[in-house]
N, C-alpha and C. Protein backbone atom coordinates (compact mmCIF):
# COMPACT_ATOMS: atom_id res chain seq x y z
N MET A 1 -7.78 -20.66 -5.86
CA MET A 1 -7.12 -19.78 -6.79
C MET A 1 -7.41 -20.27 -8.19
N LEU A 2 -7.65 -19.38 -9.08
CA LEU A 2 -7.97 -19.69 -10.46
C LEU A 2 -6.84 -19.21 -11.34
N THR A 3 -6.36 -20.08 -12.23
CA THR A 3 -5.31 -19.71 -13.17
C THR A 3 -5.86 -19.81 -14.58
N ILE A 4 -5.75 -18.75 -15.33
CA ILE A 4 -6.20 -18.74 -16.71
C ILE A 4 -4.98 -18.97 -17.58
N HIS A 5 -5.02 -20.05 -18.35
CA HIS A 5 -3.89 -20.39 -19.20
C HIS A 5 -4.02 -19.77 -20.59
N HIS A 6 -5.23 -19.71 -21.09
CA HIS A 6 -5.48 -19.14 -22.42
C HIS A 6 -6.68 -18.22 -22.34
N LEU A 7 -6.57 -17.07 -22.93
CA LEU A 7 -7.67 -16.12 -22.91
C LEU A 7 -7.79 -15.48 -24.28
N SER A 8 -8.98 -15.52 -24.80
CA SER A 8 -9.23 -14.89 -26.09
C SER A 8 -10.40 -13.92 -25.90
N VAL A 9 -10.23 -12.70 -26.37
CA VAL A 9 -11.26 -11.68 -26.24
C VAL A 9 -11.57 -11.15 -27.63
N ASP A 10 -12.84 -11.26 -28.02
CA ASP A 10 -13.28 -10.74 -29.32
C ASP A 10 -14.45 -9.79 -29.07
N PHE A 11 -14.42 -8.63 -29.69
CA PHE A 11 -15.53 -7.71 -29.60
C PHE A 11 -15.49 -6.78 -30.80
N GLU A 12 -16.66 -6.25 -31.12
CA GLU A 12 -16.75 -5.29 -32.21
C GLU A 12 -17.27 -3.98 -31.65
N VAL A 13 -16.60 -2.92 -31.99
CA VAL A 13 -17.02 -1.60 -31.53
C VAL A 13 -16.83 -0.62 -32.67
N GLY A 14 -17.51 0.48 -32.56
CA GLY A 14 -17.28 1.54 -33.52
C GLY A 14 -16.10 2.37 -33.08
N GLY A 15 -15.28 2.77 -33.99
CA GLY A 15 -14.12 3.60 -33.65
C GLY A 15 -12.87 2.78 -33.56
N ASP A 16 -11.95 3.24 -32.74
CA ASP A 16 -10.64 2.63 -32.60
C ASP A 16 -10.69 1.46 -31.62
N ASP A 17 -10.64 0.21 -32.15
CA ASP A 17 -10.73 -0.98 -31.31
C ASP A 17 -9.63 -1.00 -30.25
N THR A 18 -8.45 -0.60 -30.62
CA THR A 18 -7.32 -0.65 -29.70
C THR A 18 -7.56 0.25 -28.49
N ALA A 19 -8.05 1.44 -28.73
CA ALA A 19 -8.31 2.38 -27.64
C ALA A 19 -9.42 1.87 -26.72
N VAL A 20 -10.47 1.31 -27.32
CA VAL A 20 -11.58 0.79 -26.52
C VAL A 20 -11.09 -0.38 -25.68
N PHE A 21 -10.33 -1.30 -26.28
CA PHE A 21 -9.80 -2.43 -25.53
C PHE A 21 -8.91 -1.95 -24.39
N ALA A 22 -8.03 -1.01 -24.68
CA ALA A 22 -7.12 -0.50 -23.66
C ALA A 22 -7.88 0.11 -22.49
N ARG A 23 -8.95 0.85 -22.78
CA ARG A 23 -9.75 1.46 -21.72
C ARG A 23 -10.44 0.40 -20.89
N LEU A 24 -11.08 -0.56 -21.55
CA LEU A 24 -11.79 -1.61 -20.82
C LEU A 24 -10.82 -2.47 -20.00
N PHE A 25 -9.69 -2.83 -20.62
CA PHE A 25 -8.70 -3.63 -19.92
C PHE A 25 -8.19 -2.89 -18.69
N SER A 26 -7.90 -1.63 -18.85
CA SER A 26 -7.40 -0.82 -17.74
C SER A 26 -8.39 -0.79 -16.58
N GLU A 27 -9.66 -0.59 -16.89
CA GLU A 27 -10.68 -0.56 -15.84
C GLU A 27 -10.73 -1.88 -15.08
N HIS A 28 -10.72 -2.98 -15.83
CA HIS A 28 -10.88 -4.28 -15.19
C HIS A 28 -9.61 -4.75 -14.49
N ILE A 29 -8.45 -4.42 -15.02
CA ILE A 29 -7.22 -4.82 -14.35
C ILE A 29 -7.04 -4.03 -13.05
N LYS A 30 -7.49 -2.79 -13.03
CA LYS A 30 -7.43 -2.00 -11.79
C LYS A 30 -8.35 -2.61 -10.73
N GLU A 31 -9.54 -3.06 -11.13
CA GLU A 31 -10.46 -3.70 -10.19
C GLU A 31 -9.85 -5.00 -9.67
N TRP A 32 -9.26 -5.79 -10.55
CA TRP A 32 -8.61 -7.04 -10.14
C TRP A 32 -7.47 -6.74 -9.15
N ALA A 33 -6.65 -5.75 -9.46
CA ALA A 33 -5.53 -5.40 -8.58
C ALA A 33 -6.04 -4.91 -7.22
N ARG A 34 -7.13 -4.15 -7.22
CA ARG A 34 -7.71 -3.68 -5.96
C ARG A 34 -8.17 -4.86 -5.11
N ARG A 35 -8.82 -5.83 -5.75
CA ARG A 35 -9.28 -7.00 -5.01
C ARG A 35 -8.10 -7.83 -4.47
N GLN A 36 -7.05 -7.96 -5.27
CA GLN A 36 -5.86 -8.69 -4.82
C GLN A 36 -5.24 -8.00 -3.61
N GLU A 37 -5.12 -6.69 -3.66
CA GLU A 37 -4.54 -5.95 -2.54
C GLU A 37 -5.43 -6.06 -1.29
N ASN A 38 -6.75 -6.02 -1.47
CA ASN A 38 -7.66 -6.20 -0.33
C ASN A 38 -7.47 -7.57 0.30
N GLU A 39 -7.29 -8.60 -0.53
CA GLU A 39 -7.08 -9.95 -0.01
C GLU A 39 -5.75 -10.04 0.75
N ARG A 40 -4.70 -9.42 0.21
CA ARG A 40 -3.41 -9.42 0.92
C ARG A 40 -3.52 -8.66 2.24
N ALA A 41 -4.23 -7.54 2.24
CA ALA A 41 -4.40 -6.76 3.47
C ALA A 41 -5.18 -7.58 4.50
N ARG A 42 -6.20 -8.29 4.04
CA ARG A 42 -7.00 -9.13 4.94
C ARG A 42 -6.12 -10.23 5.54
N SER A 43 -5.29 -10.84 4.72
CA SER A 43 -4.39 -11.89 5.20
C SER A 43 -3.42 -11.35 6.24
N ARG A 44 -2.86 -10.15 5.98
CA ARG A 44 -1.94 -9.54 6.95
C ARG A 44 -2.66 -9.23 8.26
N LEU A 45 -3.89 -8.73 8.16
CA LEU A 45 -4.67 -8.41 9.35
C LEU A 45 -4.94 -9.68 10.16
N LEU A 46 -5.37 -10.74 9.48
CA LEU A 46 -5.65 -11.99 10.19
C LEU A 46 -4.39 -12.57 10.82
N ALA A 47 -3.26 -12.48 10.12
CA ALA A 47 -2.01 -12.98 10.67
C ALA A 47 -1.62 -12.17 11.91
N GLY A 48 -1.80 -10.86 11.87
CA GLY A 48 -1.50 -10.01 13.01
C GLY A 48 -2.39 -10.32 14.20
N GLU A 49 -3.68 -10.55 13.93
CA GLU A 49 -4.60 -10.89 15.01
C GLU A 49 -4.25 -12.25 15.61
N ALA A 50 -3.86 -13.20 14.76
CA ALA A 50 -3.48 -14.52 15.24
C ALA A 50 -2.22 -14.42 16.10
N ALA A 51 -1.28 -13.58 15.69
CA ALA A 51 -0.04 -13.41 16.46
C ALA A 51 -0.35 -12.80 17.82
N MET A 52 -1.26 -11.84 17.87
CA MET A 52 -1.63 -11.22 19.15
C MET A 52 -2.34 -12.23 20.04
N ALA A 53 -3.07 -13.18 19.44
CA ALA A 53 -3.79 -14.18 20.21
C ALA A 53 -2.89 -15.36 20.58
N GLY A 54 -1.64 -15.33 20.08
CA GLY A 54 -0.69 -16.39 20.41
C GLY A 54 -0.84 -17.62 19.53
N GLU A 55 -1.54 -17.49 18.41
CA GLU A 55 -1.71 -18.61 17.50
C GLU A 55 -0.61 -18.57 16.46
N ASP A 56 -0.40 -19.71 15.79
CA ASP A 56 0.55 -19.74 14.68
C ASP A 56 -0.02 -18.89 13.56
N ALA A 57 0.75 -17.90 13.09
CA ALA A 57 0.25 -16.98 12.08
C ALA A 57 -0.13 -17.67 10.78
N GLY A 58 0.57 -18.74 10.39
CA GLY A 58 0.27 -19.40 9.13
C GLY A 58 -0.75 -20.51 9.24
N HIS A 59 -1.27 -20.74 10.45
CA HIS A 59 -2.21 -21.83 10.67
C HIS A 59 -3.62 -21.29 10.80
N ASP A 60 -4.54 -21.91 10.08
CA ASP A 60 -5.94 -21.53 10.15
C ASP A 60 -6.63 -22.43 11.15
N PRO A 61 -6.94 -21.95 12.36
CA PRO A 61 -7.54 -22.80 13.38
C PRO A 61 -8.90 -23.34 12.93
N ALA A 62 -9.58 -22.67 12.04
CA ALA A 62 -10.88 -23.13 11.57
C ALA A 62 -10.75 -24.37 10.69
N SER A 63 -9.55 -24.67 10.19
CA SER A 63 -9.38 -25.82 9.31
C SER A 63 -9.49 -27.12 10.08
N GLY A 64 -9.27 -27.09 11.40
CA GLY A 64 -9.35 -28.30 12.19
C GLY A 64 -8.12 -29.18 12.09
N HIS A 65 -7.12 -28.74 11.38
CA HIS A 65 -5.91 -29.51 11.20
C HIS A 65 -4.73 -28.81 11.89
N ALA A 66 -3.88 -29.61 12.49
CA ALA A 66 -2.66 -29.06 13.08
C ALA A 66 -1.67 -28.76 11.96
N PRO A 67 -0.79 -27.79 12.14
CA PRO A 67 0.20 -27.51 11.12
C PRO A 67 1.09 -28.72 10.89
N ALA A 68 1.54 -28.87 9.67
CA ALA A 68 2.45 -29.99 9.33
C ALA A 68 3.79 -29.77 10.01
N PRO A 69 4.51 -30.87 10.29
CA PRO A 69 5.84 -30.72 10.89
C PRO A 69 6.73 -29.81 10.04
N GLY A 70 7.39 -28.89 10.71
CA GLY A 70 8.28 -27.96 10.02
C GLY A 70 7.55 -26.84 9.32
N CYS A 71 6.23 -26.83 9.37
CA CYS A 71 5.43 -25.80 8.71
C CYS A 71 4.69 -25.00 9.77
N CYS A 72 4.84 -23.72 9.78
CA CYS A 72 4.09 -22.84 10.67
C CYS A 72 4.26 -23.24 12.12
N GLY A 73 5.40 -23.76 12.51
CA GLY A 73 5.66 -24.08 13.89
C GLY A 73 5.17 -25.46 14.32
N GLY A 74 4.72 -26.30 13.37
CA GLY A 74 4.27 -27.64 13.72
C GLY A 74 5.43 -28.49 14.20
N ALA A 75 5.15 -29.41 15.12
CA ALA A 75 6.21 -30.25 15.70
C ALA A 75 6.49 -31.46 14.84
């Protein structure tokens, strides 16, 4: 996960800078939100498949590690 603490955006355009920024920001924030929702949907799908297979939903079997005690059903 990436966290951006400070972000500065500078650009020059002809016309109303505020309107151009708002349009560009809107386009990109919608794409970001779409990707976030796809990731959440993928996580829900994988958790559902793991539950059907009888695996701990919060445990990634590919990690090679057992769940921690008290976490995801670990003993």
